[in-house]
């Protein structure tokens, strides 16, 4: 049994996830990508909770419906890219 974490910009704007069945398409874009500000993020707590629940592995989805990338890349204009 495993756990999948979907961490996207809607965590910060409070909007409901809405993929509408169109895989790979940004169906619910965010107006301001600068809202990404995980100052209280505790990933260790995520993993502890998963382990306590009996999960044997965890997956972090690094891009989701807004297209924001949780990694540095020249392939997408919206993400954790540093200038």
PDB file of N, CA and C in Angstrom:
ATOM      1  N   UNK A   1       0.846  -1.162   0.000  1.00  0.00           N
ATOM      2  CA  UNK A   1       0.000   0.000   0.000  1.00  0.00           C
ATOM      3  C   UNK A   1       0.899   1.236   0.000  1.00  0.00           C
ATOM      4  N   UNK A   2       0.560   2.216  -0.824  1.00  0.00           N
ATOM      5  CA  UNK A   2       1.360   3.429  -0.928  1.00  0.00           C
ATOM      6  C   UNK A   2       0.517   4.680  -0.825  1.00  0.00           C
ATOM      7  N   UNK A   3       1.193   5.806  -0.730  1.00  0.00           N
ATOM      8  CA  UNK A   3       0.547   7.098  -0.578  1.00  0.00           C
ATOM      9  C   UNK A   3       1.006   8.003  -1.726  1.00  0.00           C
ATOM     10  N   UNK A   4       0.090   8.782  -2.269  1.00  0.00           N
ATOM     11  CA  UNK A   4       0.426   9.729  -3.326  1.00  0.00           C
ATOM     12  C   UNK A   4       0.080  11.129  -2.825  1.00  0.00           C
ATOM     13  N   UNK A   5       1.071  12.001  -2.841  1.00  0.00           N
ATOM     14  CA  UNK A   5       0.878  13.383  -2.408  1.00  0.00           C
ATOM     15  C   UNK A   5       0.743  14.270  -3.635  1.00  0.00           C
ATOM     16  N   UNK A   6      -0.348  15.005  -3.719  1.00  0.00           N
ATOM     17  CA  UNK A   6      -0.599  15.968  -4.791  1.00  0.00           C
ATOM     18  C   UNK A   6      -0.510  17.354  -4.154  1.00  0.00           C
ATOM     19  N   UNK A   7       0.586  18.030  -4.394  1.00  0.00           N
ATOM     20  CA  UNK A   7       0.831  19.331  -3.763  1.00  0.00           C
ATOM     21  C   UNK A   7       0.944  20.363  -4.868  1.00  0.00           C
ATOM     22  N   UNK A   8      -0.070  21.195  -5.012  1.00  0.00           N
ATOM     23  CA  UNK A   8      -0.119  22.138  -6.123  1.00  0.00           C
ATOM     24  C   UNK A   8      -0.507  23.518  -5.605  1.00  0.00           C
ATOM     25  N   UNK A   9      -0.594  24.470  -6.478  1.00  0.00           N
ATOM     26  CA  UNK A   9      -0.856  25.856  -6.095  1.00  0.00           C
ATOM     27  C   UNK A   9      -2.224  26.067  -5.462  1.00  0.00           C
ATOM     28  N   UNK A  10      -3.154  25.183  -5.689  1.00  0.00           N
ATOM     29  CA  UNK A  10      -4.470  25.345  -5.077  1.00  0.00           C
ATOM     30  C   UNK A  10      -4.414  25.156  -3.562  1.00  0.00           C
ATOM     31  N   UNK A  11      -3.306  24.647  -3.047  1.00  0.00           N
ATOM     32  CA  UNK A  11      -3.100  24.615  -1.601  1.00  0.00           C
ATOM     33  C   UNK A  11      -3.070  26.043  -1.059  1.00  0.00           C
ATOM     34  N   UNK A  12      -2.581  26.965  -1.877  1.00  0.00           N
ATOM     35  CA  UNK A  12      -2.390  28.346  -1.432  1.00  0.00           C
ATOM     36  C   UNK A  12      -3.542  29.276  -1.803  1.00  0.00           C
ATOM     37  N   UNK A  13      -4.315  28.938  -2.840  1.00  0.00           N
ATOM     38  CA  UNK A  13      -5.430  29.828  -3.209  1.00  0.00           C
ATOM     39  C   UNK A  13      -6.779  29.305  -2.723  1.00  0.00           C
ATOM     40  N   UNK A  14      -6.807  28.081  -2.186  1.00  0.00           N
ATOM     41  CA  UNK A  14      -8.024  27.539  -1.594  1.00  0.00           C
ATOM     42  C   UNK A  14      -9.065  27.045  -2.585  1.00  0.00           C
ATOM     43  N   UNK A  15      -8.732  27.018  -3.875  1.00  0.00           N
ATOM     44  CA  UNK A  15      -9.700  26.550  -4.862  1.00  0.00           C
ATOM     45  C   UNK A  15      -9.708  25.028  -4.934  1.00  0.00           C
ATOM     46  N   UNK A  16     -10.848  24.488  -5.261  1.00  0.00           N
ATOM     47  CA  UNK A  16     -11.018  23.044  -5.365  1.00  0.00           C
ATOM     48  C   UNK A  16     -10.340  22.518  -6.627  1.00  0.00           C
ATOM     49  N   UNK A  17      -9.691  21.375  -6.483  1.00  0.00           N
ATOM     50  CA  UNK A  17      -9.085  20.681  -7.610  1.00  0.00           C
ATOM     51  C   UNK A  17     -10.154  20.378  -8.648  1.00  0.00           C
ATOM     52  N   UNK A  18      -9.861  20.619  -9.936  1.00  0.00           N
ATOM     53  CA  UNK A  18     -10.853  20.419 -10.984  1.00  0.00           C
ATOM     54  C   UNK A  18     -10.186  20.031 -12.291  1.00  0.00           C
ATOM     55  N   UNK A  19      -9.844  18.769 -12.454  1.00  0.00           N
ATOM     56  CA  UNK A  19      -9.143  18.310 -13.655  1.00  0.00           C
ATOM     57  C   UNK A  19     -10.081  18.163 -14.850  1.00  0.00           C
ATOM     58  N   UNK A  20     -11.348  17.937 -14.622  1.00  0.00           N
ATOM     59  CA  UNK A  20     -12.338  17.774 -15.700  1.00  0.00           C
ATOM     60  C   UNK A  20     -11.983  16.671 -16.696  1.00  0.00           C
ATOM     61  N   UNK A  21     -11.210  15.686 -16.284  1.00  0.00           N
ATOM     62  CA  UNK A  21     -10.924  14.545 -17.140  1.00  0.00           C
ATOM     63  C   UNK A  21      -9.996  14.811 -18.304  1.00  0.00           C
ATOM     64  N   UNK A  22      -9.363  15.969 -18.372  1.00  0.00           N
ATOM     65  CA  UNK A  22      -8.477  16.282 -19.489  1.00  0.00           C
ATOM     66  C   UNK A  22      -7.037  16.152 -19.041  1.00  0.00           C
ATOM     67  N   UNK A  23      -6.521  14.955 -19.065  1.00  0.00           N
ATOM     68  CA  UNK A  23      -5.182  14.675 -18.591  1.00  0.00           C
ATOM     69  C   UNK A  23      -4.136  15.489 -19.356  1.00  0.00           C
ATOM     70  N   UNK A  24      -3.229  16.089 -18.596  1.00  0.00           N
ATOM     71  CA  UNK A  24      -2.129  16.822 -19.196  1.00  0.00           C
ATOM     72  C   UNK A  24      -2.461  18.240 -19.611  1.00  0.00           C
ATOM     73  N   UNK A  25      -3.680  18.681 -19.385  1.00  0.00           N
ATOM     74  CA  UNK A  25      -4.099  20.024 -19.781  1.00  0.00           C
ATOM     75  C   UNK A  25      -4.283  20.874 -18.533  1.00  0.00           C
ATOM     76  N   UNK A  26      -3.759  22.085 -18.567  1.00  0.00           N
ATOM     77  CA  UNK A  26      -3.964  23.000 -17.440  1.00  0.00           C
ATOM     78  C   UNK A  26      -5.392  23.505 -17.487  1.00  0.00           C
ATOM     79  N   UNK A  27      -6.284  22.819 -16.774  1.00  0.00           N
ATOM     80  CA  UNK A  27      -7.704  23.168 -16.831  1.00  0.00           C
ATOM     81  C   UNK A  27      -8.105  24.169 -15.770  1.00  0.00           C
ATOM     82  N   UNK A  28      -7.255  24.418 -14.820  1.00  0.00           N
ATOM     83  CA  UNK A  28      -7.612  25.302 -13.724  1.00  0.00           C
ATOM     84  C   UNK A  28      -6.401  26.162 -13.353  1.00  0.00           C
ATOM     85  N   UNK A  29      -5.988  27.076 -14.249  1.00  0.00           N
ATOM     86  CA  UNK A  29      -4.773  27.848 -13.996  1.00  0.00           C
ATOM     87  C   UNK A  29      -4.926  28.805 -12.820  1.00  0.00           C
ATOM     88  N   UNK A  30      -3.812  29.212 -12.288  1.00  0.00           N
ATOM     89  CA  UNK A  30      -3.751  30.150 -11.172  1.00  0.00           C
ATOM     90  C   UNK A  30      -3.337  31.507 -11.738  1.00  0.00           C
ATOM     91  N   UNK A  31      -3.984  32.572 -11.285  1.00  0.00           N
ATOM     92  CA  UNK A  31      -3.691  33.909 -11.806  1.00  0.00           C
ATOM     93  C   UNK A  31      -2.285  34.372 -11.450  1.00  0.00           C
ATOM     94  N   UNK A  32      -1.841  34.089 -10.227  1.00  0.00           N
ATOM     95  CA  UNK A  32      -0.535  34.559  -9.771  1.00  0.00           C
ATOM     96  C   UNK A  32       0.266  33.384  -9.222  1.00  0.00           C
ATOM     97  N   UNK A  33       1.251  32.924  -9.982  1.00  0.00           N
ATOM     98  CA  UNK A  33       2.054  31.781  -9.563  1.00  0.00           C
ATOM     99  C   UNK A  33       2.998  32.121  -8.409  1.00  0.00           C
ATOM    100  N   UNK A  34       3.093  33.379  -8.066  1.00  0.00           N
ATOM    101  CA  UNK A  34       3.942  33.795  -6.950  1.00  0.00           C
ATOM    102  C   UNK A  34       3.303  33.487  -5.593  1.00  0.00           C
ATOM    103  N   UNK A  35       2.078  32.956  -5.599  1.00  0.00           N
ATOM    104  CA  UNK A  35       1.436  32.598  -4.330  1.00  0.00           C
ATOM    105  C   UNK A  35       2.094  31.391  -3.681  1.00  0.00           C
ATOM    106  N   UNK A  36       2.939  30.676  -4.424  1.00  0.00           N
ATOM    107  CA  UNK A  36       3.626  29.511  -3.867  1.00  0.00           C
ATOM    108  C   UNK A  36       4.540  29.976  -2.740  1.00  0.00           C
ATOM    109  N   UNK A  37       4.196  29.607  -1.507  1.00  0.00           N
ATOM    110  CA  UNK A  37       4.947  30.052  -0.342  1.00  0.00           C
ATOM    111  C   UNK A  37       4.782  29.036   0.790  1.00  0.00           C
ATOM    112  N   UNK A  38       5.487  27.925   0.695  1.00  0.00           N
ATOM    113  CA  UNK A  38       5.305  26.854   1.688  1.00  0.00           C
ATOM    114  C   UNK A  38       6.111  27.076   2.967  1.00  0.00           C
ATOM    115  N   UNK A  39       5.917  28.214   3.631  1.00  0.00           N
ATOM    116  CA  UNK A  39       6.732  28.538   4.795  1.00  0.00           C
ATOM    117  C   UNK A  39       6.493  27.611   5.984  1.00  0.00           C
ATOM    118  N   UNK A  40       5.348  26.935   6.047  1.00  0.00           N
ATOM    119  CA  UNK A  40       5.071  26.031   7.167  1.00  0.00           C
ATOM    120  C   UNK A  40       4.997  24.573   6.710  1.00  0.00           C
ATOM    121  N   UNK A  41       5.567  24.276   5.565  1.00  0.00           N
ATOM    122  CA  UNK A  41       5.531  22.925   5.015  1.00  0.00           C
ATOM    123  C   UNK A  41       6.391  21.977   5.851  1.00  0.00           C
ATOM    124  N   UNK A  42       5.818  20.856   6.245  1.00  0.00           N
ATOM    125  CA  UNK A  42       6.527  19.854   7.041  1.00  0.00           C
ATOM    126  C   UNK A  42       6.388  18.495   6.363  1.00  0.00           C
ATOM    127  N   UNK A  43       7.254  18.241   5.413  1.00  0.00           N
ATOM    128  CA  UNK A  43       7.193  16.990   4.650  1.00  0.00           C
ATOM    129  C   UNK A  43       7.491  15.788   5.547  1.00  0.00           C
ATOM    130  N   UNK A  44       8.324  15.979   6.555  1.00  0.00           N
ATOM    131  CA  UNK A  44       8.589  14.889   7.504  1.00  0.00           C
ATOM    132  C   UNK A  44       7.296  14.419   8.163  1.00  0.00           C
ATOM    133  N   UNK A  45       6.385  15.355   8.444  1.00  0.00           N
ATOM    134  CA  UNK A  45       5.096  14.998   9.047  1.00  0.00           C
ATOM    135  C   UNK A  45       4.272  14.164   8.069  1.00  0.00           C
ATOM    136  N   UNK A  46       4.331  14.501   6.772  1.00  0.00           N
ATOM    137  CA  UNK A  46       3.604  13.714   5.766  1.00  0.00           C
ATOM    138  C   UNK A  46       4.073  12.257   5.806  1.00  0.00           C
ATOM    139  N   UNK A  47       5.397  12.077   5.789  1.00  0.00           N
ATOM    140  CA  UNK A  47       5.968  10.722   5.740  1.00  0.00           C
ATOM    141  C   UNK A  47       5.692   9.973   7.041  1.00  0.00           C
ATOM    142  N   UNK A  48       5.802  10.651   8.175  1.00  0.00           N
ATOM    143  CA  UNK A  48       5.494   9.998   9.448  1.00  0.00           C
ATOM    144  C   UNK A  48       4.054   9.510   9.461  1.00  0.00           C
ATOM    145  N   UNK A  49       3.128  10.354   8.994  1.00  0.00           N
ATOM    146  CA  UNK A  49       1.711   9.958   8.949  1.00  0.00           C
ATOM    147  C   UNK A  49       1.501   8.767   8.026  1.00  0.00           C
ATOM    148  N   UNK A  50       2.171   8.787   6.876  1.00  0.00           N
ATOM    149  CA  UNK A  50       2.049   7.671   5.932  1.00  0.00           C
ATOM    150  C   UNK A  50       2.578   6.379   6.557  1.00  0.00           C
ATOM    151  N   UNK A  51       3.747   6.457   7.184  1.00  0.00           N
ATOM    152  CA  UNK A  51       4.321   5.269   7.847  1.00  0.00           C
ATOM    153  C   UNK A  51       3.409   4.772   8.963  1.00  0.00           C
ATOM    154  N   UNK A  52       2.899   5.702   9.770  1.00  0.00           N
ATOM    155  CA  UNK A  52       2.009   5.326  10.872  1.00  0.00           C
ATOM    156  C   UNK A  52       0.743   4.649  10.360  1.00  0.00           C
ATOM    157  N   UNK A  53       0.314   4.990   9.151  1.00  0.00           N
ATOM    158  CA  UNK A  53      -0.882   4.386   8.562  1.00  0.00           C
ATOM    159  C   UNK A  53      -0.569   3.055   7.870  1.00  0.00           C
ATOM    160  N   UNK A  54       0.714   2.688   7.815  1.00  0.00           N
ATOM    161  CA  UNK A  54       1.089   1.403   7.232  1.00  0.00           C
ATOM    162  C   UNK A  54       1.515   1.467   5.775  1.00  0.00           C
ATOM    163  N   UNK A  55       1.656   2.657   5.216  1.00  0.00           N
ATOM    164  CA  UNK A  55       2.093   2.774   3.826  1.00  0.00           C
ATOM    165  C   UNK A  55       3.559   2.379   3.710  1.00  0.00           C
ATOM    166  N   UNK A  56       3.904   1.730   2.618  1.00  0.00           N
ATOM    167  CA  UNK A  56       5.275   1.265   2.395  1.00  0.00           C
ATOM    168  C   UNK A  56       6.064   2.167   1.463  1.00  0.00           C
ATOM    169  N   UNK A  57       5.378   3.040   0.727  1.00  0.00           N
ATOM    170  CA  UNK A  57       6.071   3.977  -0.152  1.00  0.00           C
ATOM    171  C   UNK A  57       5.218   5.224  -0.321  1.00  0.00           C
ATOM    172  N   UNK A  58       5.854   6.294  -0.784  1.00  0.00           N
ATOM    173  CA  UNK A  58       5.144   7.552  -1.031  1.00  0.00           C
ATOM    174  C   UNK A  58       5.622   8.130  -2.359  1.00  0.00           C
ATOM    175  N   UNK A  59       4.710   8.758  -3.062  1.00  0.00           N
ATOM    176  CA  UNK A  59       5.000   9.395  -4.343  1.00  0.00           C
ATOM    177  C   UNK A  59       4.565  10.850  -4.237  1.00  0.00           C
ATOM    178  N   UNK A  60       5.422  11.756  -4.676  1.00  0.00           N
ATOM    179  CA  UNK A  60       5.068  13.169  -4.741  1.00  0.00           C
ATOM    180  C   UNK A  60       4.832  13.527  -6.202  1.00  0.00           C
ATOM    181  N   UNK A  61       3.626  13.988  -6.514  1.00  0.00           N
ATOM    182  CA  UNK A  61       3.313  14.438  -7.869  1.00  0.00           C
ATOM    183  C   UNK A  61       3.947  15.814  -8.040  1.00  0.00           C
ATOM    184  N   UNK A  62       4.919  15.938  -8.955  1.00  0.00           N
ATOM    185  CA  UNK A  62       5.692  17.172  -9.056  1.00  0.00           C
ATOM    186  C   UNK A  62       5.092  18.200 -10.004  1.00  0.00           C
ATOM    187  N   UNK A  63       4.138  17.824 -10.820  1.00  0.00           N
ATOM    188  CA  UNK A  63       3.329  18.787 -11.573  1.00  0.00           C
ATOM    189  C   UNK A  63       1.897  18.307 -11.485  1.00  0.00           C
ATOM    190  N   UNK A  64       0.987  19.257 -11.517  1.00  0.00           N
ATOM    191  CA  UNK A  64      -0.405  18.880 -11.381  1.00  0.00           C
ATOM    192  C   UNK A  64      -1.231  19.772 -12.288  1.00  0.00           C
ATOM    193  N   UNK A  65      -2.493  19.940 -11.989  1.00  0.00           N
ATOM    194  CA  UNK A  65      -3.426  20.573 -12.903  1.00  0.00           C
ATOM    195  C   UNK A  65      -3.109  22.012 -13.267  1.00  0.00           C
ATOM    196  N   UNK A  66      -2.395  22.751 -12.438  1.00  0.00           N
ATOM    197  CA  UNK A  66      -2.063  24.134 -12.779  1.00  0.00           C
ATOM    198  C   UNK A  66      -0.848  24.219 -13.687  1.00  0.00           C
ATOM    199  N   UNK A  67      -0.097  23.125 -13.805  1.00  0.00           N
ATOM    200  CA  UNK A  67       1.116  23.129 -14.609  1.00  0.00           C
ATOM    201  C   UNK A  67       2.340  23.580 -13.846  1.00  0.00           C
ATOM    202  N   UNK A  68       2.166  23.991 -12.590  1.00  0.00           N
ATOM    203  CA  UNK A  68       3.292  24.435 -11.769  1.00  0.00           C
ATOM    204  C   UNK A  68       4.203  23.253 -11.480  1.00  0.00           C
ATOM    205  N   UNK A  69       5.507  23.440 -11.638  1.00  0.00           N
ATOM    206  CA  UNK A  69       6.467  22.355 -11.430  1.00  0.00           C
ATOM    207  C   UNK A  69       7.185  22.519 -10.094  1.00  0.00           C
ATOM    208  N   UNK A  70       7.215  21.462  -9.314  1.00  0.00           N
ATOM    209  CA  UNK A  70       7.918  21.465  -8.037  1.00  0.00           C
ATOM    210  C   UNK A  70       9.386  21.086  -8.220  1.00  0.00           C
ATOM    211  N   UNK A  71       9.966  21.524  -9.329  1.00  0.00           N
ATOM    212  CA  UNK A  71      11.372  21.283  -9.618  1.00  0.00           C
ATOM    213  C   UNK A  71      11.858  22.393 -10.542  1.00  0.00           C
ATOM    214  N   UNK A  72      13.165  22.551 -10.634  1.00  0.00           N
ATOM    215  CA  UNK A  72      13.731  23.578 -11.503  1.00  0.00           C
ATOM    216  C   UNK A  72      13.877  23.024 -12.910  1.00  0.00           C
ATOM    217  N   UNK A  73      13.358  23.765 -13.894  1.00  0.00           N
ATOM    218  CA  UNK A  73      13.404  23.296 -15.269  1.00  0.00           C
ATOM    219  C   UNK A  73      13.305  24.467 -16.240  1.00  0.00           C
ATOM    220  N   UNK A  74      13.959  24.333 -17.368  1.00  0.00           N
ATOM    221  CA  UNK A  74      13.808  25.300 -18.456  1.00  0.00           C
ATOM    222  C   UNK A  74      12.636  24.923 -19.353  1.00  0.00           C
ATOM    223  N   UNK A  75      12.013  23.767 -19.090  1.00  0.00           N
ATOM    224  CA  UNK A  75      10.934  23.261 -19.940  1.00  0.00           C
ATOM    225  C   UNK A  75       9.569  23.855 -19.621  1.00  0.00           C
ATOM    226  N   UNK A  76       9.431  24.489 -18.483  1.00  0.00           N
ATOM    227  CA  UNK A  76       8.161  25.094 -18.112  1.00  0.00           C
ATOM    228  C   UNK A  76       8.410  26.483 -17.536  1.00  0.00           C
ATOM    229  N   UNK A  77       7.601  27.451 -17.910  1.00  0.00           N
ATOM    230  CA  UNK A  77       7.820  28.798 -17.385  1.00  0.00           C
ATOM    231  C   UNK A  77       7.280  29.005 -15.974  1.00  0.00           C
ATOM    232  N   UNK A  78       6.554  28.028 -15.455  1.00  0.00           N
ATOM    233  CA  UNK A  78       5.965  28.182 -14.126  1.00  0.00           C
ATOM    234  C   UNK A  78       6.431  27.053 -13.218  1.00  0.00           C
ATOM    235  N   UNK A  79       7.224  27.413 -12.246  1.00  0.00           N
ATOM    236  CA  UNK A  79       7.740  26.409 -11.334  1.00  0.00           C
ATOM    237  C   UNK A  79       8.788  27.004 -10.413  1.00  0.00           C
ATOM    238  N   UNK A  80       9.605  26.156  -9.854  1.00  0.00           N
ATOM    239  CA  UNK A  80      10.622  26.570  -8.897  1.00  0.00           C
ATOM    240  C   UNK A  80      11.926  26.981  -9.559  1.00  0.00           C
ATOM    241  N   UNK A  81      11.854  27.454 -10.757  1.00  0.00           N
ATOM    242  CA  UNK A  81      13.045  27.863 -11.494  1.00  0.00           C
ATOM    243  C   UNK A  81      13.648  29.124 -10.884  1.00  0.00           C
ATOM    244  N   UNK A  82      14.935  29.106 -10.728  1.00  0.00           N
ATOM    245  CA  UNK A  82      15.642  30.283 -10.229  1.00  0.00           C
ATOM    246  C   UNK A  82      16.322  30.984 -11.389  1.00  0.00           C
ATOM    247  N   UNK A  83      16.281  32.301 -11.346  1.00  0.00           N
ATOM    248  CA  UNK A  83      16.952  33.080 -12.396  1.00  0.00           C
ATOM    249  C   UNK A  83      18.425  33.192 -12.148  1.00  0.00           C
TER     250      UNK A  83
END
